[in-house]
PDB file of N, CA and C in Angstrom:
ATOM      1  N   MET A   1      16.134  -2.183 -21.337  1.00  0.00           N
ATOM      2  CA  MET A   1      14.906  -2.784 -21.827  1.00  0.00           C
ATOM      3  C   MET A   1      14.627  -4.066 -21.053  1.00  0.00           C
ATOM      4  N   ALA A   2      13.354  -4.302 -20.803  1.00  0.00           N
ATOM      5  CA  ALA A   2      12.956  -5.481 -20.039  1.00  0.00           C
ATOM      6  C   ALA A   2      13.149  -6.753 -20.847  1.00  0.00           C
ATOM      7  N   ASN A   3      13.473  -7.820 -20.147  1.00  0.00           N
ATOM      8  CA  ASN A   3      13.636  -9.122 -20.785  1.00  0.00           C
ATOM      9  C   ASN A   3      12.446 -10.039 -20.533  1.00  0.00           C
ATOM     10  N   ILE A   4      11.787  -9.849 -19.406  1.00  0.00           N
ATOM     11  CA  ILE A   4      10.678 -10.718 -19.028  1.00  0.00           C
ATOM     12  C   ILE A   4       9.415 -10.285 -19.775  1.00  0.00           C
ATOM     13  N   LYS A   5       8.655 -11.282 -20.224  1.00  0.00           N
ATOM     14  CA  LYS A   5       7.471 -11.030 -21.044  1.00  0.00           C
ATOM     15  C   LYS A   5       6.454 -10.127 -20.337  1.00  0.00           C
ATOM     16  N   SER A   6       6.208 -10.384 -19.064  1.00  0.00           N
ATOM     17  CA  SER A   6       5.229  -9.583 -18.323  1.00  0.00           C
ATOM     18  C   SER A   6       5.715  -8.147 -18.147  1.00  0.00           C
ATOM     19  N   ALA A   7       7.009  -7.965 -18.003  1.00  0.00           N
ATOM     20  CA  ALA A   7       7.568  -6.616 -17.859  1.00  0.00           C
ATOM     21  C   ALA A   7       7.432  -5.844 -19.170  1.00  0.00           C
ATOM     22  N   LYS A   8       7.616  -6.539 -20.289  1.00  0.00           N
ATOM     23  CA  LYS A   8       7.437  -5.898 -21.597  1.00  0.00           C
ATOM     24  C   LYS A   8       5.986  -5.449 -21.772  1.00  0.00           C
ATOM     25  N   LYS A   9       5.071  -6.323 -21.340  1.00  0.00           N
ATOM     26  CA  LYS A   9       3.652  -5.980 -21.444  1.00  0.00           C
ATOM     27  C   LYS A   9       3.327  -4.777 -20.563  1.00  0.00           C
ATOM     28  N   ARG A  10       3.879  -4.730 -19.357  1.00  0.00           N
ATOM     29  CA  ARG A  10       3.636  -3.605 -18.466  1.00  0.00           C
ATOM     30  C   ARG A  10       4.081  -2.301 -19.110  1.00  0.00           C
ATOM     31  N   ILE A  11       5.212  -2.329 -19.802  1.00  0.00           N
ATOM     32  CA  ILE A  11       5.709  -1.134 -20.480  1.00  0.00           C
ATOM     33  C   ILE A  11       4.691  -0.658 -21.514  1.00  0.00           C
ATOM     34  N   LEU A  12       4.145  -1.583 -22.287  1.00  0.00           N
ATOM     35  CA  LEU A  12       3.151  -1.225 -23.303  1.00  0.00           C
ATOM     36  C   LEU A  12       1.865  -0.689 -22.669  1.00  0.00           C
ATOM     37  N   VAL A  13       1.402  -1.364 -21.629  1.00  0.00           N
ATOM     38  CA  VAL A  13       0.171  -0.960 -20.963  1.00  0.00           C
ATOM     39  C   VAL A  13       0.341   0.412 -20.317  1.00  0.00           C
ATOM     40  N   ASN A  14       1.486   0.622 -19.673  1.00  0.00           N
ATOM     41  CA  ASN A  14       1.733   1.920 -19.034  1.00  0.00           C
ATOM     42  C   ASN A  14       1.771   3.044 -20.050  1.00  0.00           C
ATOM     43  N   ARG A  15       2.358   2.777 -21.209  1.00  0.00           N
ATOM     44  CA  ARG A  15       2.422   3.795 -22.265  1.00  0.00           C
ATOM     45  C   ARG A  15       1.017   4.151 -22.747  1.00  0.00           C
ATOM     46  N   THR A  16       0.175   3.124 -22.922  1.00  0.00           N
ATOM     47  CA  THR A  16      -1.199   3.355 -23.364  1.00  0.00           C
ATOM     48  C   THR A  16      -1.967   4.189 -22.344  1.00  0.00           C
ATOM     49  N   LYS A  17      -1.832   3.837 -21.060  1.00  0.00           N
ATOM     50  CA  LYS A  17      -2.512   4.584 -20.006  1.00  0.00           C
ATOM     51  C   LYS A  17      -2.002   6.025 -19.937  1.00  0.00           C
ATOM     52  N   TYR A  18      -0.689   6.189 -20.119  1.00  0.00           N
ATOM     53  CA  TYR A  18      -0.086   7.519 -20.084  1.00  0.00           C
ATOM     54  C   TYR A  18      -0.686   8.394 -21.180  1.00  0.00           C
ATOM     55  N   GLU A  19      -0.801   7.849 -22.386  1.00  0.00           N
ATOM     56  CA  GLU A  19      -1.351   8.620 -23.508  1.00  0.00           C
ATOM     57  C   GLU A  19      -2.818   8.979 -23.258  1.00  0.00           C
ATOM     58  N   ARG A  20      -3.575   8.026 -22.731  1.00  0.00           N
ATOM     59  CA  ARG A  20      -4.995   8.260 -22.464  1.00  0.00           C
ATOM     60  C   ARG A  20      -5.172   9.330 -21.386  1.00  0.00           C
ATOM     61  N   ASN A  21      -4.389   9.236 -20.317  1.00  0.00           N
ATOM     62  CA  ASN A  21      -4.467  10.219 -19.236  1.00  0.00           C
ATOM     63  C   ASN A  21      -4.040  11.598 -19.701  1.00  0.00           C
ATOM     64  N   LYS A  22      -3.012  11.638 -20.547  1.00  0.00           N
ATOM     65  CA  LYS A  22      -2.513  12.907 -21.080  1.00  0.00           C
ATOM     66  C   LYS A  22      -3.598  13.610 -21.895  1.00  0.00           C
ATOM     67  N   ALA A  23      -4.296  12.839 -22.729  1.00  0.00           N
ATOM     68  CA  ALA A  23      -5.378  13.404 -23.543  1.00  0.00           C
ATOM     69  C   ALA A  23      -6.508  13.922 -22.663  1.00  0.00           C
ATOM     70  N   ALA A  24      -6.845  13.168 -21.621  1.00  0.00           N
ATOM     71  CA  ALA A  24      -7.927  13.581 -20.723  1.00  0.00           C
ATOM     72  C   ALA A  24      -7.558  14.855 -19.973  1.00  0.00           C
ATOM     73  N   LYS A  25      -6.316  14.944 -19.492  1.00  0.00           N
ATOM     74  CA  LYS A  25      -5.873  16.140 -18.773  1.00  0.00           C
ATOM     75  C   LYS A  25      -5.875  17.361 -19.685  1.00  0.00           C
ATOM     76  N   SER A  26      -5.503  17.156 -20.934  1.00  0.00           N
ATOM     77  CA  SER A  26      -5.515  18.241 -21.900  1.00  0.00           C
ATOM     78  C   SER A  26      -6.945  18.727 -22.142  1.00  0.00           C
ATOM     79  N   ALA A  27      -7.886  17.788 -22.240  1.00  0.00           N
ATOM     80  CA  ALA A  27      -9.290  18.142 -22.434  1.00  0.00           C
ATOM     81  C   ALA A  27      -9.822  18.933 -21.240  1.00  0.00           C
ATOM     82  N   ILE A  28      -9.398  18.565 -20.044  1.00  0.00           N
ATOM     83  CA  ILE A  28      -9.815  19.274 -18.837  1.00  0.00           C
ATOM     84  C   ILE A  28      -9.315  20.719 -18.883  1.00  0.00           C
ATOM     85  N   LYS A  29      -8.039  20.879 -19.211  1.00  0.00           N
ATOM     86  CA  LYS A  29      -7.458  22.225 -19.260  1.00  0.00           C
ATOM     87  C   LYS A  29      -8.160  23.089 -20.305  1.00  0.00           C
ATOM     88  N   THR A  30      -8.481  22.495 -21.457  1.00  0.00           N
ATOM     89  CA  THR A  30      -9.168  23.229 -22.516  1.00  0.00           C
ATOM     90  C   THR A  30     -10.553  23.660 -22.059  1.00  0.00           C
ATOM     91  N   ALA A  31     -11.280  22.753 -21.404  1.00  0.00           N
ATOM     92  CA  ALA A  31     -12.630  23.063 -20.936  1.00  0.00           C
ATOM     93  C   ALA A  31     -12.604  24.181 -19.894  1.00  0.00           C
ATOM     94  N   ILE A  32     -11.643  24.128 -18.992  1.00  0.00           N
ATOM     95  CA  ILE A  32     -11.509  25.168 -17.968  1.00  0.00           C
ATOM     96  C   ILE A  32     -11.204  26.510 -18.619  1.00  0.00           C
ATOM     97  N   LYS A  33     -10.318  26.479 -19.596  1.00  0.00           N
ATOM     98  CA  LYS A  33      -9.934  27.704 -20.296  1.00  0.00           C
ATOM     99  C   LYS A  33     -11.148  28.340 -20.989  1.00  0.00           C
ATOM    100  N   LYS A  34     -12.018  27.506 -21.581  1.00  0.00           N
ATOM    101  CA  LYS A  34     -13.207  28.030 -22.258  1.00  0.00           C
ATOM    102  C   LYS A  34     -14.137  28.736 -21.277  1.00  0.00           C
ATOM    103  N   VAL A  35     -14.272  28.170 -20.092  1.00  0.00           N
ATOM    104  CA  VAL A  35     -15.113  28.800 -19.065  1.00  0.00           C
ATOM    105  C   VAL A  35     -14.508  30.139 -18.654  1.00  0.00           C
ATOM    106  N   GLU A  36     -13.208  30.152 -18.403  1.00  0.00           N
ATOM    107  CA  GLU A  36     -12.547  31.383 -17.955  1.00  0.00           C
ATOM    108  C   GLU A  36     -12.594  32.479 -19.014  1.00  0.00           C
ATOM    109  N   VAL A  37     -12.432  32.090 -20.278  1.00  0.00           N
ATOM    110  CA  VAL A  37     -12.489  33.080 -21.366  1.00  0.00           C
ATOM    111  C   VAL A  37     -13.894  33.666 -21.482  1.00  0.00           C
ATOM    112  N   ALA A  38     -14.907  32.813 -21.396  1.00  0.00           N
ATOM    113  CA  ALA A  38     -16.289  33.291 -21.489  1.00  0.00           C
ATOM    114  C   ALA A  38     -16.615  34.242 -20.345  1.00  0.00           C
ATOM    115  N   VAL A  39     -16.122  33.939 -19.159  1.00  0.00           N
ATOM    116  CA  VAL A  39     -16.369  34.815 -18.006  1.00  0.00           C
ATOM    117  C   VAL A  39     -15.651  36.146 -18.194  1.00  0.00           C
ATOM    118  N   SER A  40     -14.409  36.087 -18.680  1.00  0.00           N
ATOM    119  CA  SER A  40     -13.644  37.325 -18.853  1.00  0.00           C
ATOM    120  C   SER A  40     -14.247  38.222 -19.939  1.00  0.00           C
ATOM    121  N   GLU A  41     -14.920  37.610 -20.920  1.00  0.00           N
ATOM    122  CA  GLU A  41     -15.593  38.390 -21.962  1.00  0.00           C
ATOM    123  C   GLU A  41     -16.942  38.916 -21.487  1.00  0.00           C
ATOM    124  N   GLY A  42     -17.409  38.412 -20.354  1.00  0.00           N
ATOM    125  CA  GLY A  42     -18.678  38.865 -19.804  1.00  0.00           C
ATOM    126  C   GLY A  42     -19.879  38.160 -20.403  1.00  0.00           C
ATOM    127  N   ASN A  43     -19.663  37.051 -21.072  1.00  0.00           N
ATOM    128  CA  ASN A  43     -20.741  36.309 -21.703  1.00  0.00           C
ATOM    129  C   ASN A  43     -21.207  35.209 -20.757  1.00  0.00           C
ATOM    130  N   LYS A  44     -22.215  35.523 -19.941  1.00  0.00           N
ATOM    131  CA  LYS A  44     -22.653  34.586 -18.899  1.00  0.00           C
ATOM    132  C   LYS A  44     -23.330  33.350 -19.485  1.00  0.00           C
ATOM    133  N   GLU A  45     -24.077  33.520 -20.571  1.00  0.00           N
ATOM    134  CA  GLU A  45     -24.753  32.380 -21.212  1.00  0.00           C
ATOM    135  C   GLU A  45     -23.742  31.347 -21.691  1.00  0.00           C
ATOM    136  N   GLU A  46     -22.752  31.826 -22.412  1.00  0.00           N
ATOM    137  CA  GLU A  46     -21.709  30.941 -22.943  1.00  0.00           C
ATOM    138  C   GLU A  46     -20.898  30.314 -21.799  1.00  0.00           C
ATOM    139  N   ALA A  47     -20.657  31.094 -20.763  1.00  0.00           N
ATOM    140  CA  ALA A  47     -19.911  30.587 -19.614  1.00  0.00           C
ATOM    141  C   ALA A  47     -20.672  29.469 -18.920  1.00  0.00           C
ATOM    142  N   THR A  48     -21.985  29.610 -18.829  1.00  0.00           N
ATOM    143  CA  THR A  48     -22.802  28.577 -18.195  1.00  0.00           C
ATOM    144  C   THR A  48     -22.766  27.284 -19.000  1.00  0.00           C
ATOM    145  N   LYS A  49     -22.868  27.400 -20.325  1.00  0.00           N
ATOM    146  CA  LYS A  49     -22.798  26.221 -21.194  1.00  0.00           C
ATOM    147  C   LYS A  49     -21.429  25.554 -21.079  1.00  0.00           C
ATOM    148  N   ALA A  50     -20.395  26.370 -21.073  1.00  0.00           N
ATOM    149  CA  ALA A  50     -19.031  25.840 -20.965  1.00  0.00           C
ATOM    150  C   ALA A  50     -18.819  25.185 -19.602  1.00  0.00           C
ATOM    151  N   LEU A  51     -19.446  25.746 -18.570  1.00  0.00           N
ATOM    152  CA  LEU A  51     -19.330  25.174 -17.225  1.00  0.00           C
ATOM    153  C   LEU A  51     -19.949  23.781 -17.164  1.00  0.00           C
ATOM    154  N   VAL A  52     -21.100  23.607 -17.788  1.00  0.00           N
ATOM    155  CA  VAL A  52     -21.754  22.299 -17.803  1.00  0.00           C
ATOM    156  C   VAL A  52     -20.848  21.267 -18.468  1.00  0.00           C
ATOM    157  N   ASN A  53     -20.260  21.654 -19.598  1.00  0.00           N
ATOM    158  CA  ASN A  53     -19.346  20.756 -20.328  1.00  0.00           C
ATOM    159  C   ASN A  53     -18.105  20.454 -19.496  1.00  0.00           C
ATOM    160  N   ALA A  54     -17.523  21.478 -18.892  1.00  0.00           N
ATOM    161  CA  ALA A  54     -16.310  21.296 -18.095  1.00  0.00           C
ATOM    162  C   ALA A  54     -16.587  20.415 -16.879  1.00  0.00           C
ATOM    163  N   THR A  55     -17.737  20.617 -16.248  1.00  0.00           N
ATOM    164  CA  THR A  55     -18.102  19.815 -15.083  1.00  0.00           C
ATOM    165  C   THR A  55     -18.198  18.342 -15.449  1.00  0.00           C
ATOM    166  N   LYS A  56     -18.801  18.076 -16.583  1.00  0.00           N
ATOM    167  CA  LYS A  56     -18.942  16.694 -17.050  1.00  0.00           C
ATOM    168  C   LYS A  56     -17.571  16.047 -17.264  1.00  0.00           C
ATOM    169  N   ILE A  57     -16.685  16.760 -17.930  1.00  0.00           N
ATOM    170  CA  ILE A  57     -15.348  16.231 -18.229  1.00  0.00           C
ATOM    171  C   ILE A  57     -14.553  16.019 -16.939  1.00  0.00           C
ATOM    172  N   ILE A  58     -14.608  16.988 -16.044  1.00  0.00           N
ATOM    173  CA  ILE A  58     -13.845  16.904 -14.790  1.00  0.00           C
ATOM    174  C   ILE A  58     -14.363  15.772 -13.909  1.00  0.00           C
ATOM    175  N   ASP A  59     -15.684  15.659 -13.795  1.00  0.00           N
ATOM    176  CA  ASP A  59     -16.258  14.589 -12.972  1.00  0.00           C
ATOM    177  C   ASP A  59     -15.911  13.214 -13.519  1.00  0.00           C
ATOM    178  N   LYS A  60     -15.914  13.081 -14.833  1.00  0.00           N
ATOM    179  CA  LYS A  60     -15.563  11.803 -15.451  1.00  0.00           C
ATOM    180  C   LYS A  60     -14.108  11.456 -15.155  1.00  0.00           C
ATOM    181  N   ALA A  61     -13.238  12.444 -15.222  1.00  0.00           N
ATOM    182  CA  ALA A  61     -11.822  12.208 -14.920  1.00  0.00           C
ATOM    183  C   ALA A  61     -11.639  11.819 -13.454  1.00  0.00           C
ATOM    184  N   GLY A  62     -12.420  12.429 -12.578  1.00  0.00           N
ATOM    185  CA  GLY A  62     -12.345  12.088 -11.159  1.00  0.00           C
ATOM    186  C   GLY A  62     -12.816  10.674 -10.886  1.00  0.00           C
ATOM    187  N   SER A  63     -13.853  10.256 -11.585  1.00  0.00           N
ATOM    188  CA  SER A  63     -14.377   8.909 -11.351  1.00  0.00           C
ATOM    189  C   SER A  63     -13.477   7.833 -11.960  1.00  0.00           C
ATOM    190  N   LYS A  64     -12.749   8.170 -13.016  1.00  0.00           N
ATOM    191  CA  LYS A  64     -11.866   7.197 -13.660  1.00  0.00           C
ATOM    192  C   LYS A  64     -10.480   7.147 -13.020  1.00  0.00           C
ATOM    193  N   GLY A  65     -10.221   8.047 -12.076  1.00  0.00           N
ATOM    194  CA  GLY A  65      -8.939   8.017 -11.380  1.00  0.00           C
ATOM    195  C   GLY A  65      -7.845   8.792 -12.081  1.00  0.00           C
ATOM    196  N   ILE A  66      -8.194   9.580 -13.082  1.00  0.00           N
ATOM    197  CA  ILE A  66      -7.201  10.396 -13.770  1.00  0.00           C
ATOM    198  C   ILE A  66      -6.737  11.514 -12.843  1.00  0.00           C
ATOM    199  N   MET A  67      -7.678  12.018 -12.062  1.00  0.00           N
ATOM    200  CA  MET A  67      -7.328  12.949 -10.997  1.00  0.00           C
ATOM    201  C   MET A  67      -8.100  12.525  -9.757  1.00  0.00           C
ATOM    202  N   HIS A  68      -7.637  12.940  -8.600  1.00  0.00           N
ATOM    203  CA  HIS A  68      -8.284  12.578  -7.339  1.00  0.00           C
ATOM    204  C   HIS A  68      -9.674  13.203  -7.288  1.00  0.00           C
ATOM    205  N   LYS A  69     -10.600  12.512  -6.654  1.00  0.00           N
ATOM    206  CA  LYS A  69     -11.983  12.988  -6.585  1.00  0.00           C
ATOM    207  C   LYS A  69     -12.095  14.350  -5.918  1.00  0.00           C
ATOM    208  N   ASN A  70     -11.310  14.574  -4.881  1.00  0.00           N
ATOM    209  CA  ASN A  70     -11.361  15.870  -4.196  1.00  0.00           C
ATOM    210  C   ASN A  70     -10.809  16.987  -5.081  1.00  0.00           C
ATOM    211  N   THR A  71      -9.785  16.686  -5.854  1.00  0.00           N
ATOM    212  CA  THR A  71      -9.236  17.673  -6.784  1.00  0.00           C
ATOM    213  C   THR A  71     -10.285  18.040  -7.821  1.00  0.00           C
ATOM    214  N   ALA A  72     -10.983  17.035  -8.326  1.00  0.00           N
ATOM    215  CA  ALA A  72     -12.039  17.268  -9.305  1.00  0.00           C
ATOM    216  C   ALA A  72     -13.140  18.138  -8.693  1.00  0.00           C
ATOM    217  N   ALA A  73     -13.526  17.827  -7.475  1.00  0.00           N
ATOM    218  CA  ALA A  73     -14.570  18.595  -6.795  1.00  0.00           C
ATOM    219  C   ALA A  73     -14.128  20.043  -6.583  1.00  0.00           C
ATOM    220  N   ASN A  74     -12.856  20.229  -6.218  1.00  0.00           N
ATOM    221  CA  ASN A  74     -12.341  21.588  -6.014  1.00  0.00           C
ATOM    222  C   ASN A  74     -12.354  22.384  -7.312  1.00  0.00           C
ATOM    223  N   LYS A  75     -11.979  21.756  -8.413  1.00  0.00           N
ATOM    224  CA  LYS A  75     -11.975  22.444  -9.705  1.00  0.00           C
ATOM    225  C   LYS A  75     -13.392  22.852 -10.118  1.00  0.00           C
ATOM    226  N   VAL A  76     -14.343  21.931  -9.945  1.00  0.00           N
ATOM    227  CA  VAL A  76     -15.734  22.224 -10.292  1.00  0.00           C
ATOM    228  C   VAL A  76     -16.262  23.352  -9.421  1.00  0.00           C
ATOM    229  N   SER A  77     -15.965  23.290  -8.141  1.00  0.00           N
ATOM    230  CA  SER A  77     -16.426  24.318  -7.207  1.00  0.00           C
ATOM    231  C   SER A  77     -15.864  25.687  -7.583  1.00  0.00           C
ATOM    232  N   ARG A  78     -14.576  25.715  -7.888  1.00  0.00           N
ATOM    233  CA  ARG A  78     -13.919  26.978  -8.238  1.00  0.00           C
ATOM    234  C   ARG A  78     -14.524  27.581  -9.510  1.00  0.00           C
ATOM    235  N   LEU A  79     -14.779  26.718 -10.507  1.00  0.00           N
ATOM    236  CA  LEU A  79     -15.361  27.206 -11.759  1.00  0.00           C
ATOM    237  C   LEU A  79     -16.796  27.689 -11.558  1.00  0.00           C
ATOM    238  N   THR A  80     -17.557  26.956 -10.766  1.00  0.00           N
ATOM    239  CA  THR A  80     -18.945  27.345 -10.500  1.00  0.00           C
ATOM    240  C   THR A  80     -18.995  28.694  -9.800  1.00  0.00           C
ATOM    241  N   LYS A  81     -18.113  28.872  -8.836  1.00  0.00           N
ATOM    242  CA  LYS A  81     -18.033  30.135  -8.109  1.00  0.00           C
ATOM    243  C   LYS A  81     -17.672  31.278  -9.064  1.00  0.00           C
ATOM    244  N   LEU A  82     -16.757  31.007  -9.993  1.00  0.00           N
ATOM    245  CA  LEU A  82     -16.334  32.011 -10.970  1.00  0.00           C
ATOM    246  C   LEU A  82     -17.498  32.421 -11.867  1.00  0.00           C
ATOM    247  N   VAL A  83     -18.242  31.436 -12.363  1.00  0.00           N
ATOM    248  CA  VAL A  83     -19.371  31.721 -13.251  1.00  0.00           C
ATOM    249  C   VAL A  83     -20.467  32.457 -12.499  1.00  0.00           C
ATOM    250  N   ASN A  84     -20.742  32.052 -11.268  1.00  0.00           N
ATOM    251  CA  ASN A  84     -21.797  32.697 -10.485  1.00  0.00           C
ATOM    252  C   ASN A  84     -21.463  34.144 -10.142  1.00  0.00           C
ATOM    253  N   SER A  85     -20.187  34.451 -10.013  1.00  0.00           N
ATOM    254  CA  SER A  85     -19.778  35.817  -9.676  1.00  0.00           C
ATOM    255  C   SER A  85     -19.678  36.707 -10.918  1.00  0.00           C
ATOM    256  N   ALA A  86     -19.789  36.094 -12.109  1.00  0.00           N
ATOM    257  CA  ALA A  86     -19.697  36.875 -13.356  1.00  0.00           C
ATOM    258  C   ALA A  86     -20.921  37.757 -13.514  1.00  0.00           C
ATOM    259  N   LYS A  87     -20.728  38.860 -14.204  1.00  0.00           N
ATOM    260  CA  LYS A  87     -21.820  39.813 -14.410  1.00  0.00           C
ATOM    261  C   LYS A  87     -22.514  39.595 -15.717  1.00  0.00           C
TER     262      LYS A  87
END
C-alpha cells in the first residue's frame, strides 16, 4: 500500500477511471451484440436503429479515449457493412 498522499490519491483515481471504462466497454459490447442479433434475425429496421445507437456509443468512447479512434472507426465500419449486407 502506498504511503505518500499523492500515490494514495492516484490509486483512488485509477480505480474510478477503471470502473468507468469497464462500464463503457460493456455498453459497447452490448450495443454491438444487439446489431448482430438483429441482422441474424433478418430484421433490417431494428438493425438500422441498433446501428445508430451503437455508432453513437462507439464514437463517444473513441473521443473520450476509452478506445483508440481508429479502433472505434473500424468497429463502426464493420457494423455498417454488416447491416448494409443484411437482407
